[in-house]
Amino acid sequence: MDVVYGLAEKGLFDKYYKGMCYFAYTLIRDYSLAEDFVQDAFIAYFGKKEQIPSQESVVKSYLYTSVKNSILNWQRRNKVQEKYWEKTNFTEFDDVDIDNAIIETEVMEEINRIIKELPDACRTIFQLSYLEGLSNQEIADELNLSINTIKTQKRRGLNHVRSRLNPEYFLILISFFRF
């Protein structure tokens, strides 16, 4: 029975880990710390899972809330972060910031899922252009392809993402990237 629980825990971890790291990163802009907060949230959940309802939405909410609260507590204790917040004119998160970070995380998870459906060459070009911000010329030079091939593959990739992405998510996507 321990093996079954172990697989279930690994599945839960695999399903939410990257998205939660991105969520934490949007709040603190330090990926290493973000990973630490997310790992701590999973450890806390697995230590208390018998006390928490097993519905996916409840577990997801618990994990995200745990990460958010850990970050807020850390900020209160950590004087180094005060300099960062002064620079950005933030003193603490408000609910809108948290909601926006969660929405951004969910959109990025959906986009990454759709991007994985693209053929290899198209996916590589799409990621280099839209996720890494390389120009058509830089991509062409790196991949040894013509600029027209790059443009065609970008267009195909974007059309695929548009056709598969929830229309509400697509509006959010437009605000993240230049097309």
N, C-alpha and C. Protein backbone atom coordinates (compact mmCIF):
# COMPACT_ATOMS: atom_id res chain seq x y z
N MET A 1 0.82 -1.20 0.00
CA MET A 1 0.00 0.00 0.00
C MET A 1 0.86 1.26 0.00
N ASP A 2 2.04 1.23 0.64
CA ASP A 2 2.93 2.39 0.66
C ASP A 2 3.37 2.77 -0.75
N VAL A 3 3.54 1.77 -1.62
CA VAL A 3 3.94 2.05 -3.00
C VAL A 3 2.85 2.84 -3.71
N VAL A 4 1.58 2.48 -3.50
CA VAL A 4 0.47 3.19 -4.13
C VAL A 4 0.44 4.64 -3.65
N TYR A 5 0.58 4.86 -2.35
CA TYR A 5 0.60 6.22 -1.82
C TYR A 5 1.80 6.99 -2.35
N GLY A 6 2.94 6.32 -2.44
CA GLY A 6 4.14 6.97 -2.97
C GLY A 6 3.95 7.43 -4.40
N LEU A 7 3.31 6.59 -5.22
CA LEU A 7 3.04 6.97 -6.62
C LEU A 7 2.04 8.12 -6.69
N ALA A 8 1.03 8.08 -5.83
CA ALA A 8 0.05 9.17 -5.80
C ALA A 8 0.72 10.48 -5.40
N GLU A 9 1.61 10.41 -4.41
CA GLU A 9 2.32 11.62 -3.97
C GLU A 9 3.22 12.14 -5.08
N LYS A 10 3.91 11.25 -5.78
CA LYS A 10 4.78 11.66 -6.88
C LYS A 10 3.95 12.30 -7.99
N GLY A 11 2.79 11.72 -8.29
CA GLY A 11 1.92 12.28 -9.32
C GLY A 11 1.45 13.68 -8.95
N LEU A 12 1.08 13.87 -7.71
CA LEU A 12 0.66 15.19 -7.23
C LEU A 12 1.81 16.18 -7.34
N PHE A 13 2.98 15.75 -6.90
CA PHE A 13 4.17 16.60 -6.96
C PHE A 13 4.48 16.96 -8.41
N ASP A 14 4.50 15.97 -9.31
CA ASP A 14 4.80 16.22 -10.72
C ASP A 14 3.78 17.16 -11.36
N LYS A 15 2.53 17.03 -10.96
CA LYS A 15 1.46 17.83 -11.56
C LYS A 15 1.56 19.30 -11.19
N TYR A 16 1.91 19.60 -9.95
CA TYR A 16 1.84 20.98 -9.47
C TYR A 16 3.19 21.67 -9.25
N TYR A 17 4.27 20.93 -9.20
CA TYR A 17 5.56 21.50 -8.79
C TYR A 17 5.99 22.67 -9.68
N LYS A 18 6.05 22.47 -10.98
CA LYS A 18 6.54 23.54 -11.87
C LYS A 18 5.66 24.78 -11.80
N GLY A 19 4.36 24.57 -11.84
CA GLY A 19 3.44 25.71 -11.79
C GLY A 19 3.55 26.47 -10.48
N MET A 20 3.71 25.74 -9.40
CA MET A 20 3.84 26.40 -8.10
C MET A 20 5.17 27.14 -8.00
N CYS A 21 6.22 26.58 -8.58
CA CYS A 21 7.52 27.28 -8.58
C CYS A 21 7.40 28.58 -9.36
N TYR A 22 6.70 28.53 -10.49
CA TYR A 22 6.51 29.75 -11.28
C TYR A 22 5.71 30.77 -10.47
N PHE A 23 4.65 30.30 -9.80
CA PHE A 23 3.83 31.17 -8.96
C PHE A 23 4.70 31.84 -7.89
N ALA A 24 5.49 31.05 -7.18
CA ALA A 24 6.35 31.60 -6.12
C ALA A 24 7.37 32.56 -6.72
N TYR A 25 7.91 32.20 -7.88
CA TYR A 25 8.90 33.06 -8.53
C TYR A 25 8.30 34.42 -8.88
N THR A 26 7.04 34.44 -9.32
CA THR A 26 6.41 35.73 -9.66
C THR A 26 6.27 36.62 -8.43
N LEU A 27 6.26 36.02 -7.26
CA LEU A 27 6.13 36.80 -6.03
C LEU A 27 7.46 37.28 -5.47
N ILE A 28 8.53 36.49 -5.66
CA ILE A 28 9.81 36.84 -5.02
C ILE A 28 10.97 37.02 -5.98
N ARG A 29 10.82 36.64 -7.24
CA ARG A 29 11.86 36.82 -8.27
C ARG A 29 13.19 36.17 -7.90
N ASP A 30 13.12 35.04 -7.24
CA ASP A 30 14.32 34.27 -6.90
C ASP A 30 13.93 32.80 -7.04
N TYR A 31 14.40 32.16 -8.14
CA TYR A 31 13.93 30.81 -8.44
C TYR A 31 14.36 29.79 -7.39
N SER A 32 15.55 29.92 -6.87
CA SER A 32 16.03 28.98 -5.85
C SER A 32 15.16 29.05 -4.59
N LEU A 33 14.87 30.26 -4.15
CA LEU A 33 13.98 30.43 -3.00
C LEU A 33 12.58 29.93 -3.31
N ALA A 34 12.11 30.20 -4.53
CA ALA A 34 10.78 29.75 -4.93
C ALA A 34 10.68 28.23 -4.80
N GLU A 35 11.69 27.53 -5.29
CA GLU A 35 11.70 26.06 -5.17
C GLU A 35 11.66 25.62 -3.70
N ASP A 36 12.41 26.31 -2.86
CA ASP A 36 12.42 25.97 -1.43
C ASP A 36 11.03 26.11 -0.81
N PHE A 37 10.35 27.22 -1.12
CA PHE A 37 9.01 27.43 -0.57
C PHE A 37 8.04 26.36 -1.06
N VAL A 38 8.14 26.00 -2.33
CA VAL A 38 7.24 24.98 -2.89
C VAL A 38 7.52 23.62 -2.26
N GLN A 39 8.78 23.26 -2.13
CA GLN A 39 9.12 21.99 -1.49
C GLN A 39 8.62 21.95 -0.05
N ASP A 40 8.76 23.05 0.66
CA ASP A 40 8.25 23.12 2.03
C ASP A 40 6.74 22.93 2.08
N ALA A 41 6.04 23.50 1.09
CA ALA A 41 4.58 23.36 1.05
C ALA A 41 4.19 21.90 0.84
N PHE A 42 4.90 21.20 -0.05
CA PHE A 42 4.60 19.78 -0.26
C PHE A 42 4.91 18.95 0.99
N ILE A 43 6.01 19.25 1.64
CA ILE A 43 6.36 18.53 2.87
C ILE A 43 5.27 18.74 3.93
N ALA A 44 4.83 19.99 4.06
CA ALA A 44 3.76 20.29 5.02
C ALA A 44 2.48 19.55 4.65
N TYR A 45 2.14 19.55 3.35
CA TYR A 45 0.93 18.85 2.91
C TYR A 45 1.02 17.35 3.20
N PHE A 46 2.13 16.74 2.81
CA PHE A 46 2.25 15.29 3.01
C PHE A 46 2.26 14.94 4.49
N GLY A 47 2.71 15.84 5.33
CA GLY A 47 2.67 15.62 6.77
C GLY A 47 1.28 15.74 7.36
N LYS A 48 0.39 16.47 6.67
CA LYS A 48 -0.96 16.72 7.19
C LYS A 48 -2.05 16.17 6.28
N LYS A 49 -1.70 15.39 5.27
CA LYS A 49 -2.69 15.04 4.25
C LYS A 49 -3.90 14.28 4.79
N GLU A 50 -3.75 13.58 5.91
CA GLU A 50 -4.90 12.88 6.49
C GLU A 50 -5.92 13.88 7.03
N GLN A 51 -5.49 15.09 7.35
CA GLN A 51 -6.36 16.11 7.91
C GLN A 51 -6.97 17.02 6.84
N ILE A 52 -6.51 16.87 5.60
CA ILE A 52 -6.94 17.75 4.52
C ILE A 52 -7.81 16.94 3.56
N PRO A 53 -9.00 17.47 3.19
CA PRO A 53 -9.84 16.75 2.22
C PRO A 53 -9.05 16.46 0.94
N SER A 54 -9.32 15.33 0.32
CA SER A 54 -8.50 14.88 -0.81
C SER A 54 -8.96 15.41 -2.16
N GLN A 55 -9.99 16.25 -2.21
CA GLN A 55 -10.42 16.81 -3.49
C GLN A 55 -9.28 17.64 -4.08
N GLU A 56 -9.11 17.50 -5.39
CA GLU A 56 -7.99 18.17 -6.06
C GLU A 56 -7.99 19.68 -5.84
N SER A 57 -9.17 20.30 -5.91
CA SER A 57 -9.22 21.75 -5.75
C SER A 57 -8.80 22.17 -4.34
N VAL A 58 -9.14 21.38 -3.34
CA VAL A 58 -8.77 21.69 -1.96
C VAL A 58 -7.26 21.54 -1.78
N VAL A 59 -6.71 20.46 -2.33
CA VAL A 59 -5.26 20.23 -2.22
C VAL A 59 -4.50 21.34 -2.92
N LYS A 60 -4.93 21.68 -4.13
CA LYS A 60 -4.27 22.75 -4.90
C LYS A 60 -4.33 24.07 -4.13
N SER A 61 -5.49 24.38 -3.60
CA SER A 61 -5.66 25.62 -2.83
C SER A 61 -4.76 25.61 -1.60
N TYR A 62 -4.70 24.48 -0.91
CA TYR A 62 -3.84 24.36 0.27
C TYR A 62 -2.38 24.63 -0.11
N LEU A 63 -1.93 24.01 -1.18
CA LEU A 63 -0.53 24.16 -1.59
C LEU A 63 -0.21 25.61 -1.96
N TYR A 64 -1.06 26.23 -2.79
CA TYR A 64 -0.80 27.61 -3.20
C TYR A 64 -0.87 28.56 -2.00
N THR A 65 -1.85 28.36 -1.13
CA THR A 65 -1.97 29.21 0.05
C THR A 65 -0.77 29.03 0.97
N SER A 66 -0.31 27.80 1.10
CA SER A 66 0.86 27.53 1.94
C SER A 66 2.09 28.25 1.40
N VAL A 67 2.29 28.21 0.09
CA VAL A 67 3.43 28.90 -0.52
C VAL A 67 3.31 30.41 -0.29
N LYS A 68 2.12 30.95 -0.57
CA LYS A 68 1.91 32.39 -0.40
C LYS A 68 2.17 32.82 1.04
N ASN A 69 1.61 32.09 1.99
CA ASN A 69 1.79 32.45 3.40
C ASN A 69 3.25 32.31 3.85
N SER A 70 3.92 31.29 3.38
CA SER A 70 5.34 31.13 3.72
C SER A 70 6.16 32.30 3.20
N ILE A 71 5.86 32.72 2.00
CA ILE A 71 6.58 33.86 1.42
C ILE A 71 6.30 35.13 2.21
N LEU A 72 5.04 35.36 2.56
CA LEU A 72 4.71 36.55 3.34
C LEU A 72 5.39 36.53 4.71
N ASN A 73 5.41 35.38 5.35
CA ASN A 73 6.10 35.27 6.65
C ASN A 73 7.59 35.51 6.49
N TRP A 74 8.17 34.96 5.45
CA TRP A 74 9.60 35.14 5.19
C TRP A 74 9.92 36.61 4.98
N GLN A 75 9.05 37.30 4.24
CA GLN A 75 9.28 38.73 3.98
C GLN A 75 9.29 39.53 5.28
N ARG A 76 8.39 39.19 6.16
CA ARG A 76 8.32 39.92 7.43
C ARG A 76 9.59 39.73 8.25
N ARG A 77 10.19 38.56 8.14
CA ARG A 77 11.39 38.26 8.93
C ARG A 77 12.68 38.70 8.25
N ASN A 78 12.67 38.89 6.99
CA ASN A 78 13.91 39.08 6.25
C ASN A 78 14.13 40.54 5.87
N LYS A 79 15.12 41.14 6.45
CA LYS A 79 15.40 42.56 6.22
C LYS A 79 15.95 42.82 4.82
N VAL A 80 16.61 41.86 4.22
CA VAL A 80 17.17 42.04 2.88
C VAL A 80 16.06 42.35 1.87
N GLN A 81 14.93 41.70 2.04
CA GLN A 81 13.84 41.91 1.11
C GLN A 81 13.27 43.33 1.18
N GLU A 82 13.43 44.02 2.29
CA GLU A 82 12.89 45.37 2.40
C GLU A 82 13.46 46.28 1.32
N LYS A 83 14.74 46.11 1.00
CA LYS A 83 15.35 46.92 -0.05
C LYS A 83 14.67 46.67 -1.39
N TYR A 84 14.38 45.42 -1.66
CA TYR A 84 13.70 45.09 -2.92
C TYR A 84 12.33 45.75 -2.98
N TRP A 85 11.58 45.63 -1.90
CA TRP A 85 10.22 46.19 -1.89
C TRP A 85 10.25 47.71 -1.98
N GLU A 86 11.25 48.35 -1.39
CA GLU A 86 11.37 49.80 -1.52
C GLU A 86 11.63 50.19 -2.97
N LYS A 87 12.47 49.43 -3.64
CA LYS A 87 12.78 49.71 -5.05
C LYS A 87 11.54 49.58 -5.92
N THR A 88 10.70 48.62 -5.63
CA THR A 88 9.52 48.37 -6.46
C THR A 88 8.27 49.05 -5.91
N ASN A 89 8.43 49.82 -4.85
CA ASN A 89 7.31 50.53 -4.21
C ASN A 89 6.24 49.57 -3.69
N PHE A 90 6.65 48.37 -3.32
CA PHE A 90 5.74 47.40 -2.73
C PHE A 90 6.07 47.31 -1.25
N THR A 91 5.05 47.15 -0.44
CA THR A 91 5.30 46.85 0.96
C THR A 91 4.83 45.44 1.28
N GLU A 92 3.80 45.00 0.61
CA GLU A 92 3.35 43.62 0.73
C GLU A 92 2.42 43.33 -0.44
N PHE A 93 2.06 42.08 -0.61
CA PHE A 93 1.18 41.68 -1.69
C PHE A 93 -0.26 42.03 -1.33
N ASP A 94 -1.03 42.36 -2.33
CA ASP A 94 -2.46 42.45 -2.09
C ASP A 94 -3.12 41.30 -2.84
N ASP A 95 -4.42 41.11 -2.63
CA ASP A 95 -5.11 39.98 -3.22
C ASP A 95 -5.06 39.99 -4.74
N VAL A 96 -5.07 41.17 -5.34
CA VAL A 96 -5.02 41.27 -6.80
C VAL A 96 -3.70 40.73 -7.32
N ASP A 97 -2.59 41.06 -6.65
CA ASP A 97 -1.28 40.54 -7.06
C ASP A 97 -1.26 39.02 -7.00
N ILE A 98 -1.79 38.47 -5.93
CA ILE A 98 -1.81 37.01 -5.77
C ILE A 98 -2.68 36.39 -6.84
N ASP A 99 -3.87 36.94 -7.06
CA ASP A 99 -4.76 36.40 -8.08
C ASP A 99 -4.12 36.47 -9.46
N ASN A 100 -3.47 37.60 -9.77
CA ASN A 100 -2.81 37.73 -11.06
C ASN A 100 -1.69 36.71 -11.22
N ALA A 101 -0.94 36.48 -10.17
CA ALA A 101 0.15 35.50 -10.24
C ALA A 101 -0.39 34.10 -10.46
N ILE A 102 -1.50 33.77 -9.82
CA ILE A 102 -2.11 32.45 -10.01
C ILE A 102 -2.63 32.31 -11.43
N ILE A 103 -3.30 33.34 -11.94
CA ILE A 103 -3.81 33.30 -13.31
C ILE A 103 -2.65 33.16 -14.30
N GLU A 104 -1.61 33.95 -14.10
CA GLU A 104 -0.45 33.88 -14.99
C GLU A 104 0.16 32.48 -14.96
N THR A 105 0.24 31.88 -13.80
CA THR A 105 0.78 30.53 -13.67
C THR A 105 -0.07 29.52 -14.43
N GLU A 106 -1.39 29.61 -14.28
CA GLU A 106 -2.28 28.67 -14.96
C GLU A 106 -2.21 28.84 -16.47
N VAL A 107 -2.13 30.08 -16.94
CA VAL A 107 -2.02 30.32 -18.38
C VAL A 107 -0.71 29.74 -18.91
N MET A 108 0.38 29.96 -18.19
CA MET A 108 1.67 29.44 -18.65
C MET A 108 1.69 27.91 -18.64
N GLU A 109 1.04 27.28 -17.67
CA GLU A 109 0.95 25.82 -17.66
C GLU A 109 0.20 25.33 -18.89
N GLU A 110 -0.90 25.99 -19.23
CA GLU A 110 -1.70 25.60 -20.39
C GLU A 110 -0.90 25.82 -21.68
N ILE A 111 -0.22 26.94 -21.78
CA ILE A 111 0.58 27.23 -22.97
C ILE A 111 1.69 26.19 -23.12
N ASN A 112 2.36 25.86 -22.04
CA ASN A 112 3.43 24.85 -22.11
C ASN A 112 2.88 23.50 -22.54
N ARG A 113 1.68 23.15 -22.09
CA ARG A 113 1.06 21.89 -22.49
C ARG A 113 0.80 21.90 -24.00
N ILE A 114 0.29 23.02 -24.51
CA ILE A 114 -0.01 23.13 -25.94
C ILE A 114 1.27 23.16 -26.77
N ILE A 115 2.28 23.86 -26.29
CA ILE A 115 3.55 23.94 -27.02
C ILE A 115 4.17 22.55 -27.17
N LYS A 116 3.99 21.69 -26.18
CA LYS A 116 4.53 20.33 -26.25
C LYS A 116 3.90 19.52 -27.39
N GLU A 117 2.71 19.94 -27.86
CA GLU A 117 2.04 19.25 -28.95
C GLU A 117 2.65 19.57 -30.31
N LEU A 118 3.40 20.67 -30.40
CA LEU A 118 3.97 21.09 -31.68
C LEU A 118 5.05 20.11 -32.14
N PRO A 119 5.23 19.98 -33.47
CA PRO A 119 6.36 19.19 -33.97
C PRO A 119 7.67 19.77 -33.43
N ASP A 120 8.69 18.94 -33.33
CA ASP A 120 9.95 19.34 -32.69
C ASP A 120 10.53 20.64 -33.23
N ALA A 121 10.68 20.75 -34.55
CA ALA A 121 11.30 21.95 -35.14
C ALA A 121 10.45 23.19 -34.86
N CYS A 122 9.15 23.06 -35.02
CA CYS A 122 8.24 24.18 -34.79
C CYS A 122 8.29 24.58 -33.31
N ARG A 123 8.28 23.60 -32.43
CA ARG A 123 8.33 23.87 -30.99
C ARG A 123 9.62 24.61 -30.61
N THR A 124 10.74 24.16 -31.15
CA THR A 124 12.02 24.80 -30.85
C THR A 124 12.01 26.26 -31.28
N ILE A 125 11.55 26.52 -32.49
CA ILE A 125 11.50 27.89 -33.02
C ILE A 125 10.54 28.74 -32.20
N PHE A 126 9.38 28.19 -31.88
CA PHE A 126 8.39 28.92 -31.09
C PHE A 126 8.96 29.30 -29.72
N GLN A 127 9.62 28.35 -29.07
CA GLN A 127 10.19 28.62 -27.74
C GLN A 127 11.32 29.65 -27.82
N LEU A 128 12.19 29.52 -28.81
CA LEU A 128 13.29 30.47 -28.95
C LEU A 128 12.76 31.88 -29.18
N SER A 129 11.70 31.98 -29.97
CA SER A 129 11.16 33.29 -30.30
C SER A 129 10.34 33.89 -29.16
N TYR A 130 9.31 33.17 -28.75
CA TYR A 130 8.34 33.75 -27.82
C TYR A 130 8.70 33.59 -26.35
N LEU A 131 9.43 32.55 -26.01
CA LEU A 131 9.76 32.35 -24.60
C LEU A 131 11.15 32.87 -24.25
N GLU A 132 12.08 32.80 -25.22
CA GLU A 132 13.44 33.28 -24.95
C GLU A 132 13.72 34.63 -25.57
N GLY A 133 12.80 35.11 -26.42
CA GLY A 133 12.91 36.46 -26.96
C GLY A 133 13.94 36.66 -28.05
N LEU A 134 14.36 35.59 -28.73
CA LEU A 134 15.33 35.74 -29.81
C LEU A 134 14.66 36.29 -31.06
N SER A 135 15.41 37.04 -31.84
CA SER A 135 14.90 37.57 -33.11
C SER A 135 14.91 36.46 -34.16
N ASN A 136 14.19 36.71 -35.26
CA ASN A 136 14.18 35.74 -36.36
C ASN A 136 15.60 35.46 -36.85
N GLN A 137 16.39 36.51 -36.99
CA GLN A 137 17.76 36.35 -37.48
C GLN A 137 18.60 35.51 -36.50
N GLU A 138 18.46 35.76 -35.22
CA GLU A 138 19.21 35.00 -34.22
C GLU A 138 18.83 33.52 -34.25
N ILE A 139 17.54 33.26 -34.41
CA ILE A 139 17.07 31.87 -34.49
C ILE A 139 17.60 31.21 -35.76
N ALA A 140 17.51 31.93 -36.88
CA ALA A 140 18.00 31.40 -38.16
C ALA A 140 19.48 31.06 -38.06
N ASP A 141 20.25 31.95 -37.47
CA ASP A 141 21.69 31.71 -37.31
C ASP A 141 21.96 30.51 -36.41
N GLU A 142 21.23 30.43 -35.31
CA GLU A 142 21.45 29.35 -34.34
C GLU A 142 21.08 27.99 -34.91
N LEU A 143 19.98 27.95 -35.69
CA LEU A 143 19.49 26.67 -36.19
C LEU A 143 19.93 26.38 -37.62
N ASN A 144 20.64 27.31 -38.23
CA ASN A 144 21.10 27.14 -39.61
C ASN A 144 19.92 27.00 -40.58
N LEU A 145 18.92 27.85 -40.43
CA LEU A 145 17.73 27.83 -41.27
C LEU A 145 17.52 29.21 -41.87
N SER A 146 16.69 29.27 -42.92
CA SER A 146 16.40 30.57 -43.53
C SER A 146 15.41 31.34 -42.66
N ILE A 147 15.43 32.65 -42.83
CA ILE A 147 14.49 33.49 -42.07
C ILE A 147 13.06 33.17 -42.45
N ASN A 148 12.81 32.86 -43.73
CA ASN A 148 11.44 32.51 -44.15
C ASN A 148 10.96 31.23 -43.46
N THR A 149 11.85 30.27 -43.28
CA THR A 149 11.49 29.05 -42.55
C THR A 149 11.12 29.40 -41.11
N ILE A 150 11.89 30.27 -40.51
CA ILE A 150 11.61 30.69 -39.13
C ILE A 150 10.24 31.35 -39.05
N LYS A 151 9.97 32.28 -39.97
CA LYS A 151 8.68 32.98 -39.98
C LYS A 151 7.52 32.00 -40.17
N THR A 152 7.70 31.06 -41.09
CA THR A 152 6.65 30.07 -41.36
C THR A 152 6.38 29.21 -40.13
N GLN A 153 7.45 28.73 -39.50
CA GLN A 153 7.29 27.88 -38.32
C GLN A 153 6.68 28.65 -37.14
N LYS A 154 7.07 29.91 -36.99
CA LYS A 154 6.47 30.73 -35.93
C LYS A 154 4.98 30.91 -36.18
N ARG A 155 4.61 31.18 -37.43
CA ARG A 155 3.20 31.37 -37.78
C ARG A 155 2.42 30.08 -37.51
N ARG A 156 2.97 28.94 -37.92
CA ARG A 156 2.29 27.66 -37.68
C ARG A 156 2.14 27.39 -36.18
N GLY A 157 3.20 27.65 -35.44
CA GLY A 157 3.13 27.44 -34.00
C GLY A 157 2.10 28.34 -33.34
N LEU A 158 2.10 29.60 -33.73
CA LEU A 158 1.15 30.55 -33.15
C LEU A 158 -0.29 30.17 -33.52
N ASN A 159 -0.51 29.76 -34.77
CA ASN A 159 -1.85 29.33 -35.17
C ASN A 159 -2.30 28.12 -34.37
N HIS A 160 -1.39 27.19 -34.12
CA HIS A 160 -1.73 26.01 -33.32
C HIS A 160 -2.09 26.42 -31.88
N VAL A 161 -1.29 27.29 -31.31
CA VAL A 161 -1.56 27.74 -29.94
C VAL A 161 -2.90 28.47 -29.89
N ARG A 162 -3.14 29.34 -30.87
CA ARG A 162 -4.42 30.07 -30.91
C ARG A 162 -5.60 29.12 -30.99
N SER A 163 -5.48 28.09 -31.85
CA SER A 163 -6.61 27.18 -32.05
C SER A 163 -6.86 26.30 -30.83
N ARG A 164 -5.84 26.01 -30.04
CA ARG A 164 -5.98 25.10 -28.91
C ARG A 164 -6.20 25.82 -27.57
N LEU A 165 -5.84 27.08 -27.51
CA LEU A 165 -5.89 27.80 -26.24
C LEU A 165 -7.28 28.36 -25.98
N ASN A 166 -7.72 28.23 -24.76
CA ASN A 166 -8.98 28.82 -24.32
C ASN A 166 -8.95 30.31 -24.69
N PRO A 167 -10.02 30.85 -25.30
CA PRO A 167 -10.01 32.26 -25.73
C PRO A 167 -9.69 33.24 -24.60
N GLU A 168 -10.14 32.96 -23.39
CA GLU A 168 -9.83 33.85 -22.27
C GLU A 168 -8.33 33.84 -21.99
N TYR A 169 -7.73 32.67 -22.07
CA TYR A 169 -6.28 32.56 -21.86
C TYR A 169 -5.52 33.27 -22.97
N PHE A 170 -6.06 33.22 -24.19
CA PHE A 170 -5.35 33.86 -25.30
C PHE A 170 -5.24 35.36 -25.09
N LEU A 171 -6.28 35.98 -24.55
CA LEU A 171 -6.21 37.41 -24.26
C LEU A 171 -5.13 37.71 -23.23
N ILE A 172 -5.00 36.84 -22.25
CA ILE A 172 -3.94 37.02 -21.25
C ILE A 172 -2.58 36.80 -21.89
N LEU A 173 -2.49 35.81 -22.76
CA LEU A 173 -1.24 35.52 -23.47
C LEU A 173 -0.75 36.73 -24.25
N ILE A 174 -1.66 37.41 -24.91
CA ILE A 174 -1.29 38.58 -25.70
C ILE A 174 -0.63 39.64 -24.82
N SER A 175 -1.09 39.75 -23.59
CA SER A 175 -0.50 40.76 -22.70
C SER A 175 0.91 40.38 -22.25
N PHE A 176 1.28 39.09 -22.34
CA PHE A 176 2.61 38.64 -21.91
C PHE A 176 3.66 38.76 -23.01
N PHE A 177 3.26 38.54 -24.25
CA PHE A 177 4.23 38.45 -25.33
C PHE A 177 3.93 39.44 -26.44
N ARG A 178 4.98 39.80 -27.17
CA ARG A 178 4.80 40.61 -28.38
C ARG A 178 4.69 39.65 -29.55
N PHE A 179 3.66 39.81 -30.37
CA PHE A 179 3.52 38.96 -31.56
C PHE A 179 3.70 39.78 -32.80
